[in-house]
Amino acid sequence: MPFRDSRPRRLPLFKRLLGKTTTTDNAPAIQRFFEDKARQQGYTLSPSQWQVIAAMTRQTAHLQARRPTRSLYLHGAVGRGKSWLLDGFFQALPCPDKQRVHFHDFFARLHRGMFAHRQQADALAATLDQLLDGCRVLCFDEFHVHDIGDAMLITRLFKALFQRGILVLLTSNYPPQGLLPNPLYHQRFKPVIDLIGARMDVMQVSAPHDYRGLAQNHRQQRFTHGLYVWPGTPAQRSERGLPDTDGPPLALAVGARQLQVRWHQARTLGATFNDLCEQPTAVMDYLLLCEDFDHWIIDGLPRLDDCPIAVQQRFINLIDVLYDQDKHLTLLGQQPLDDALEGQAIDLARTRSRLGQLQQISSIAPKPLS
């Protein structure tokens, strides 16, 4: 008689997390999607990522059965797969009534809608009726809060979303307690932090490396085909057909405002760091420019450590928008990128991770090792 191991067998991690002994053939669609996606892209999913996938699978089952759902709050360091999980969930979710939005774009539309409905008794409700008509699932990427005005609106927004029974899946670099870290305002934001804890499963996503740095990801985005060129010599510019942006500023109509740039042609825009970040520009300006321009050439990146926090934050917002809108970026500076990106702004880690995907080109030979 062959030997039979009498020890209890441990179920695979996903099955233990889900509480079912499904086979591969009848595994939930969400699970199968992520298994296939990870295999195709050469990823090995971490235990925390499997925990998130299990939670997504449970909430999808509740959604399909019209049972109450719990929303999901995914947080962790940059590049650990949060957006990858969110995008996969959105793609695999067998529900047509879903939306995937980005923090900056959604809040720009929210502010516009509330201004348009300002004469109504509840401008927020009227705006959400318009923006989320019939929506049952809202995937909210790159959530962060640094402004007290946005914080007060977010408190009202989250209450409204949960009252409407919308399943919210959001990603953030911060745990809920890390939102709006400014001690002058943090306590005023505590009600929404408590609401997140009561209505959402808060899950940390961790992985052994930054997925954004993997070579296979550079084939999937236009942004990752961009360049960081330093120190921006005439020879470097000539070799790559880059314009000289030292000329006089050129007025460009952006919505109802006039911004200064250096030149534009077809779908390509040339501007300086000063034009876009040291002037009183806003996220809405960047979003409107993205409607007209796909290739951005930004000249004169300084050492951010020498810039005021407000200027650093504008640059962070600009890179967020270009990354999310998947624009091709050519950035020019006077020093190595790592040196330029030193600074005190809270979200610079995300910016470093994103700009780290650009091909870095220098005319300065590296110093020999001593």
Protein backbone atom coordinates (compact mmCIF):
# COMPACT_ATOMS: atom_id res chain seq x y z
CA MET A 1 0.00 0.00 0.00
CA PRO A 2 1.47 3.39 -0.93
CA PHE A 3 2.31 5.75 1.89
CA ARG A 4 -0.35 8.38 2.57
CA ASP A 5 0.63 11.56 4.36
CA SER A 6 -1.88 11.87 7.21
CA ARG A 7 -0.89 15.48 8.07
CA PRO A 8 -3.59 18.07 7.27
CA ARG A 9 -2.89 19.77 3.96
CA ARG A 10 -2.71 23.54 3.88
CA LEU A 11 -4.88 25.17 1.27
CA PRO A 12 -3.31 27.61 -1.19
CA LEU A 13 -3.07 31.14 0.17
CA PHE A 14 -5.91 32.59 -1.92
CA LYS A 15 -8.28 29.78 -0.93
CA ARG A 16 -7.47 30.24 2.76
CA LEU A 17 -8.07 33.98 2.48
CA LEU A 18 -11.34 33.54 0.61
CA GLY A 19 -12.56 30.75 2.84
CA LYS A 20 -13.39 28.44 -0.08
CA THR A 21 -11.79 25.40 -1.66
CA THR A 22 -12.36 26.42 -5.25
CA THR A 23 -10.52 24.68 -8.06
CA THR A 24 -8.74 26.56 -10.82
CA ASP A 25 -11.56 25.82 -13.24
CA ASN A 26 -14.28 27.38 -11.13
CA ALA A 27 -12.18 29.98 -9.33
CA PRO A 28 -13.82 33.44 -9.13
CA ALA A 29 -13.32 35.58 -12.21
CA ILE A 30 -11.39 38.24 -10.26
CA GLN A 31 -8.89 35.63 -9.02
CA ARG A 32 -8.42 34.12 -12.47
CA PHE A 33 -7.90 37.55 -14.01
CA PHE A 34 -5.09 38.45 -11.61
CA GLU A 35 -3.47 35.02 -11.90
CA ASP A 36 -3.40 35.40 -15.70
CA LYS A 37 -2.28 39.03 -15.59
CA ALA A 38 0.57 38.31 -13.16
CA ARG A 39 1.73 35.33 -15.23
CA GLN A 40 1.66 37.31 -18.48
CA GLN A 41 3.64 40.19 -16.96
CA GLY A 42 6.07 38.01 -15.04
CA TYR A 43 4.94 39.12 -11.59
CA THR A 44 4.97 37.08 -8.41
CA LEU A 45 2.15 38.34 -6.23
CA SER A 46 2.95 39.08 -2.60
CA PRO A 47 0.81 37.78 0.33
CA SER A 48 -0.61 41.28 0.88
CA GLN A 49 -1.61 41.52 -2.78
CA TRP A 50 -3.37 38.15 -2.53
CA GLN A 51 -5.22 39.44 0.53
CA VAL A 52 -6.46 42.41 -1.49
CA ILE A 53 -7.52 40.14 -4.37
CA ALA A 54 -9.44 37.96 -1.91
CA ALA A 55 -11.21 41.03 -0.51
CA MET A 56 -12.03 42.18 -4.05
CA THR A 57 -13.46 38.77 -4.83
CA ARG A 58 -15.67 38.78 -1.72
CA GLN A 59 -17.00 42.27 -2.39
CA THR A 60 -17.67 41.43 -6.04
CA ALA A 61 -19.76 38.45 -4.93
CA HIS A 62 -21.71 40.70 -2.53
CA LEU A 63 -22.20 43.28 -5.27
CA GLN A 64 -23.53 40.71 -7.72
CA ALA A 65 -25.87 39.29 -5.08
CA ARG A 66 -27.11 42.81 -4.24
CA ARG A 67 -25.85 42.41 -0.67
CA PRO A 68 -24.22 45.25 1.30
CA THR A 69 -20.56 45.76 0.43
CA ARG A 70 -17.56 47.16 2.28
CA SER A 71 -15.35 49.55 0.42
CA LEU A 72 -11.58 49.04 0.21
CA TYR A 73 -8.77 51.46 1.10
CA LEU A 74 -5.39 50.32 -0.25
CA HIS A 75 -2.27 52.07 0.99
CA GLY A 76 1.46 51.50 0.82
CA ALA A 77 4.75 52.80 -0.52
CA VAL A 78 5.02 54.00 -4.11
CA GLY A 79 5.31 51.37 -6.83
CA ARG A 80 4.07 48.41 -4.75
CA GLY A 81 1.20 47.53 -7.07
CA LYS A 82 -1.73 49.53 -5.67
CA SER A 83 -2.74 51.08 -8.99
CA TRP A 84 -2.01 47.76 -10.73
CA LEU A 85 -4.52 46.08 -8.41
CA LEU A 86 -7.07 48.86 -8.85
CA ASP A 87 -6.79 48.80 -12.65
CA GLY A 88 -7.05 45.01 -12.69
CA PHE A 89 -10.14 45.06 -10.50
CA PHE A 90 -11.74 47.67 -12.75
CA GLN A 91 -10.99 45.63 -15.87
CA ALA A 92 -12.15 42.31 -14.43
CA LEU A 93 -15.25 43.52 -12.59
CA PRO A 94 -18.32 42.11 -14.38
CA CYS A 95 -20.33 45.26 -13.82
CA PRO A 96 -20.95 47.98 -16.43
CA ASP A 97 -21.90 50.63 -13.86
CA LYS A 98 -18.33 51.47 -12.80
CA GLN A 99 -15.95 54.40 -13.05
CA ARG A 100 -12.18 54.76 -12.58
CA VAL A 101 -11.12 58.29 -11.69
CA HIS A 102 -7.93 60.05 -10.63
CA PHE A 103 -7.78 62.39 -7.65
CA HIS A 104 -6.91 65.56 -9.56
CA ASP A 105 -9.28 65.03 -12.47
CA PHE A 106 -12.22 64.02 -10.29
CA PHE A 107 -11.87 66.98 -7.95
CA ALA A 108 -11.52 69.38 -10.85
CA ARG A 109 -14.82 68.09 -12.25
CA LEU A 110 -16.39 68.13 -8.79
CA HIS A 111 -15.50 71.79 -8.25
CA ARG A 112 -16.76 72.74 -11.73
CA GLY A 113 -20.03 70.90 -11.16
CA MET A 114 -20.63 72.47 -7.76
CA PHE A 115 -20.03 75.92 -9.23
CA ALA A 116 -22.50 75.17 -12.03
CA HIS A 117 -25.10 73.97 -9.49
CA ARG A 118 -24.35 76.61 -6.87
CA GLN A 119 -27.94 77.91 -6.94
CA GLN A 120 -29.34 74.54 -5.88
CA ALA A 121 -29.99 73.60 -2.27
CA ASP A 122 -27.42 70.76 -2.38
CA ALA A 123 -24.85 71.51 -5.05
CA LEU A 124 -22.80 68.42 -4.12
CA ALA A 125 -25.74 66.06 -4.53
CA ALA A 126 -26.66 67.61 -7.88
CA THR A 127 -23.07 67.30 -9.06
CA LEU A 128 -22.78 63.66 -7.98
CA ASP A 129 -26.07 62.91 -9.75
CA GLN A 130 -24.41 64.18 -12.89
CA LEU A 131 -20.93 62.69 -12.43
CA LEU A 132 -21.94 59.30 -10.99
CA ASP A 133 -25.28 58.66 -12.65
CA GLY A 134 -26.03 54.96 -12.09
CA CYS A 135 -22.50 54.26 -10.80
CA ARG A 136 -22.24 51.31 -8.40
CA VAL A 137 -18.44 51.04 -8.20
CA LEU A 138 -15.99 53.96 -8.01
CA CYS A 139 -12.26 53.26 -8.33
CA PHE A 140 -10.39 56.26 -6.96
CA ASP A 141 -6.63 56.29 -7.67
CA GLU A 142 -3.86 58.28 -5.92
CA PHE A 143 -5.96 59.67 -3.07
CA HIS A 144 -4.26 62.27 -0.89
CA VAL A 145 -5.28 65.33 1.11
CA HIS A 146 -3.08 68.32 1.89
CA ASP A 147 -5.53 71.20 1.57
CA ILE A 148 -8.08 71.97 4.30
CA GLY A 149 -10.61 73.15 1.69
CA ASP A 150 -10.45 69.81 -0.12
CA ALA A 151 -10.56 68.04 3.25
CA MET A 152 -13.91 69.57 4.15
CA LEU A 153 -15.32 68.67 0.74
CA ILE A 154 -13.96 65.11 1.01
CA THR A 155 -15.81 64.67 4.32
CA ARG A 156 -19.09 65.53 2.60
CA LEU A 157 -18.18 63.49 -0.48
CA PHE A 158 -17.47 60.27 1.42
CA LYS A 159 -20.67 60.54 3.42
CA ALA A 160 -22.62 61.00 0.18
CA LEU A 161 -20.90 58.05 -1.56
CA PHE A 162 -21.60 55.67 1.31
CA GLN A 163 -25.20 56.89 1.62
CA ARG A 164 -25.65 56.06 -2.07
CA GLY A 165 -24.36 52.53 -1.49
CA ILE A 166 -21.45 52.96 -3.91
CA LEU A 167 -18.59 50.48 -3.52
CA VAL A 168 -15.44 52.61 -3.33
CA LEU A 169 -11.98 51.23 -4.02
CA LEU A 170 -9.23 53.78 -3.51
CA THR A 171 -5.45 53.77 -3.43
CA SER A 172 -3.20 56.07 -1.45
CA ASN A 173 0.42 56.36 -0.41
CA TYR A 174 -0.84 57.14 3.08
CA PRO A 175 -2.76 55.18 5.71
CA PRO A 176 -5.92 57.03 6.80
CA GLN A 177 -4.17 58.48 9.86
CA GLY A 178 -1.51 59.94 7.57
CA LEU A 179 -3.97 62.00 5.52
CA LEU A 180 -3.83 65.78 5.92
CA PRO A 181 -0.70 65.54 8.11
CA ASN A 182 -0.56 69.28 8.81
CA PRO A 183 -1.09 69.40 12.61
CA LEU A 184 -3.03 72.66 12.25
CA TYR A 185 -5.80 70.86 10.34
CA HIS A 186 -5.46 67.13 11.00
CA GLN A 187 -7.95 67.08 13.89
CA ARG A 188 -10.61 68.72 11.72
CA PHE A 189 -10.24 65.83 9.26
CA LYS A 190 -10.63 63.13 11.93
CA PRO A 191 -14.37 62.58 11.23
CA VAL A 192 -13.62 61.32 7.71
CA ILE A 193 -10.73 59.18 9.03
CA ASP A 194 -13.20 57.59 11.45
CA LEU A 195 -15.70 57.16 8.61
CA ILE A 196 -13.06 55.38 6.52
CA GLY A 197 -12.37 53.01 9.42
CA ALA A 198 -16.07 52.29 9.88
CA ARG A 199 -17.03 51.78 6.23
CA MET A 200 -13.86 50.56 4.52
CA ASP A 201 -11.44 47.66 4.88
CA VAL A 202 -8.05 49.36 5.23
CA MET A 203 -5.33 47.15 3.69
CA GLN A 204 -1.62 47.75 3.29
CA VAL A 205 -0.08 46.66 -0.02
CA SER A 206 3.56 45.67 0.19
CA ALA A 207 5.99 44.06 -2.23
CA PRO A 208 9.76 43.51 -2.24
CA HIS A 209 10.46 46.02 -5.03
CA ASP A 210 9.10 49.01 -6.96
CA TYR A 211 7.08 47.58 -9.86
CA ARG A 212 7.41 50.84 -11.80
CA GLY A 213 11.07 50.10 -12.33
CA LEU A 214 10.50 46.75 -14.06
CA ALA A 215 11.43 46.72 -17.75
CA GLN A 216 8.12 45.20 -18.87
CA ASN A 217 6.21 48.22 -17.57
CA HIS A 218 8.08 50.54 -19.93
CA ARG A 219 6.29 48.98 -22.90
CA GLN A 220 2.85 49.81 -21.60
CA GLN A 221 2.92 53.60 -21.18
CA ARG A 222 3.76 56.60 -23.32
CA PHE A 223 5.03 58.41 -20.20
CA THR A 224 7.76 55.83 -19.63
CA HIS A 225 9.18 56.48 -23.12
CA GLY A 226 10.07 60.01 -22.03
CA LEU A 227 13.50 61.51 -21.41
CA TYR A 228 15.38 63.39 -18.73
CA VAL A 229 18.18 65.32 -20.45
CA TRP A 230 20.94 67.08 -18.53
CA PRO A 231 22.65 69.48 -18.55
CA GLY A 232 20.72 70.39 -21.72
CA THR A 233 23.61 71.49 -23.92
CA PRO A 234 23.02 72.88 -27.43
CA ALA A 235 24.43 69.64 -28.83
CA GLN A 236 21.96 67.55 -26.83
CA ARG A 237 19.07 69.73 -27.97
CA SER A 238 20.15 69.59 -31.61
CA GLU A 239 20.63 65.82 -31.54
CA ARG A 240 17.07 65.26 -30.32
CA GLY A 241 15.37 68.10 -32.16
CA LEU A 242 14.53 69.95 -28.94
CA PRO A 243 13.72 73.64 -29.21
CA ASP A 244 15.52 76.36 -27.34
CA THR A 245 13.06 77.61 -24.74
CA ASP A 246 15.08 80.67 -23.76
CA GLY A 247 12.93 82.86 -25.97
CA PRO A 248 10.32 85.33 -24.76
CA PRO A 249 7.13 83.98 -23.16
CA LEU A 250 4.15 83.35 -25.38
CA ALA A 251 0.60 83.86 -24.12
CA LEU A 252 -1.59 80.78 -24.46
CA ALA A 253 -5.32 80.70 -23.73
CA VAL A 254 -6.13 77.89 -21.29
CA GLY A 255 -9.81 77.86 -20.47
CA ALA A 256 -10.66 81.35 -19.29
CA ARG A 257 -7.04 82.09 -18.31
CA GLN A 258 -3.87 83.17 -20.09
CA LEU A 259 -0.75 81.15 -19.30
CA GLN A 260 2.76 81.74 -20.55
CA VAL A 261 4.65 79.07 -22.49
CA ARG A 262 7.62 79.25 -24.88
CA TRP A 263 6.22 77.64 -28.01
CA HIS A 264 3.70 75.11 -29.26
CA GLN A 265 3.24 73.25 -32.51
CA ALA A 266 0.53 70.70 -33.36
CA ARG A 267 0.28 68.45 -30.25
CA THR A 268 3.65 69.46 -28.76
CA LEU A 269 4.11 72.07 -26.03
CA GLY A 270 7.36 73.73 -24.91
CA ALA A 271 7.51 75.54 -21.56
CA THR A 272 9.88 76.24 -18.71
CA PHE A 273 9.67 75.07 -15.13
CA ASN A 274 9.09 78.70 -14.23
CA ASP A 275 6.13 78.94 -16.64
CA LEU A 276 4.35 75.93 -15.22
CA CYS A 277 5.35 75.79 -11.55
CA GLU A 278 6.61 79.15 -10.34
CA GLN A 279 3.60 81.04 -11.68
CA PRO A 280 0.14 80.79 -10.02
CA THR A 281 -0.91 77.75 -12.07
CA ALA A 282 -3.33 75.07 -10.90
CA VAL A 283 -4.19 71.44 -11.59
CA MET A 284 -7.08 72.52 -13.79
CA ASP A 285 -4.61 74.36 -16.06
CA TYR A 286 -2.55 71.18 -16.51
CA LEU A 287 -5.65 69.11 -17.24
CA LEU A 288 -6.86 71.57 -19.87
CA LEU A 289 -3.42 71.66 -21.51
CA CYS A 290 -3.48 67.85 -21.67
CA GLU A 291 -6.55 68.07 -23.87
CA ASP A 292 -4.48 69.84 -26.54
CA PHE A 293 -0.93 68.54 -26.09
CA ASP A 294 0.48 64.99 -25.96
CA HIS A 295 4.23 65.75 -25.97
CA TRP A 296 5.47 68.08 -23.26
CA ILE A 297 8.97 69.60 -23.24
CA ILE A 298 9.73 71.20 -19.87
CA ASP A 299 13.00 73.07 -19.55
CA GLY A 300 14.96 74.33 -16.57
CA LEU A 301 14.20 71.88 -13.77
CA PRO A 302 16.04 73.35 -10.76
CA ARG A 303 17.00 71.73 -7.49
CA LEU A 304 13.58 71.47 -5.87
CA ASP A 305 15.20 71.84 -2.48
CA ASP A 306 15.88 75.47 -3.41
CA CYS A 307 12.20 76.10 -4.27
CA PRO A 308 9.34 77.07 -1.92
CA ILE A 309 7.04 74.22 -0.87
CA ALA A 310 4.21 75.66 -2.98
CA VAL A 311 6.40 75.44 -6.10
CA GLN A 312 7.45 71.88 -5.24
CA GLN A 313 3.77 70.94 -4.83
CA ARG A 314 2.85 72.41 -8.22
CA PHE A 315 5.58 70.31 -9.83
CA ILE A 316 4.30 67.20 -8.03
CA ASN A 317 0.77 67.94 -9.27
CA LEU A 318 2.05 68.52 -12.80
CA ILE A 319 3.85 65.16 -12.92
CA ASP A 320 0.79 63.45 -11.41
CA VAL A 321 -1.38 64.82 -14.22
CA LEU A 322 1.10 63.97 -17.00
CA TYR A 323 1.53 60.45 -15.62
CA ASP A 324 -2.18 59.79 -15.22
CA GLN A 325 -2.99 61.28 -18.64
CA ASP A 326 -0.08 59.24 -20.07
CA LYS A 327 1.70 62.09 -21.85
CA HIS A 328 5.17 61.88 -23.36
CA LEU A 329 7.54 64.05 -21.32
CA THR A 330 10.97 65.43 -22.15
CA LEU A 331 12.37 67.11 -19.06
CA LEU A 332 15.60 69.11 -19.05
CA GLY A 333 17.70 70.09 -16.04
CA GLN A 334 21.19 71.15 -15.03
CA GLN A 335 22.01 68.29 -12.66
CA PRO A 336 21.37 64.55 -12.21
CA LEU A 337 17.71 63.78 -11.65
CA ASP A 338 18.22 62.43 -8.13
CA ASP A 339 19.91 65.67 -7.13
CA ALA A 340 17.14 67.78 -8.67
CA LEU A 341 14.39 65.88 -6.84
CA GLU A 342 15.61 66.50 -3.31
CA GLY A 343 13.02 68.49 -1.36
CA GLN A 344 10.66 68.65 1.59
CA ALA A 345 7.25 68.28 -0.08
CA ILE A 346 5.37 65.27 1.27
CA ASP A 347 4.56 63.58 -2.05
CA LEU A 348 7.99 63.82 -3.66
CA ALA A 349 8.55 60.07 -3.22
CA ARG A 350 5.77 59.44 -5.75
CA THR A 351 7.29 61.98 -8.14
CA ARG A 352 10.74 60.38 -7.85
CA SER A 353 9.26 56.97 -8.60
CA ARG A 354 7.45 58.25 -11.69
CA LEU A 355 10.27 60.33 -13.11
CA GLY A 356 12.68 57.50 -12.37
CA GLN A 357 11.05 55.68 -15.29
CA LEU A 358 12.33 58.24 -17.80
CA GLN A 359 15.45 57.46 -19.81
CA GLN A 360 18.21 59.65 -18.39
CA ILE A 361 20.61 61.16 -20.92
CA SER A 362 23.72 63.09 -19.96
CA SER A 363 26.67 64.51 -21.87
CA ILE A 364 28.78 64.38 -18.71
CA ALA A 365 30.85 61.24 -18.30
CA PRO A 366 30.52 59.55 -14.91
CA LYS A 367 33.37 60.13 -12.48
CA PRO A 368 35.81 57.22 -12.25
CA LEU A 369 35.66 55.16 -9.09
CA SER A 370 38.45 55.99 -6.69
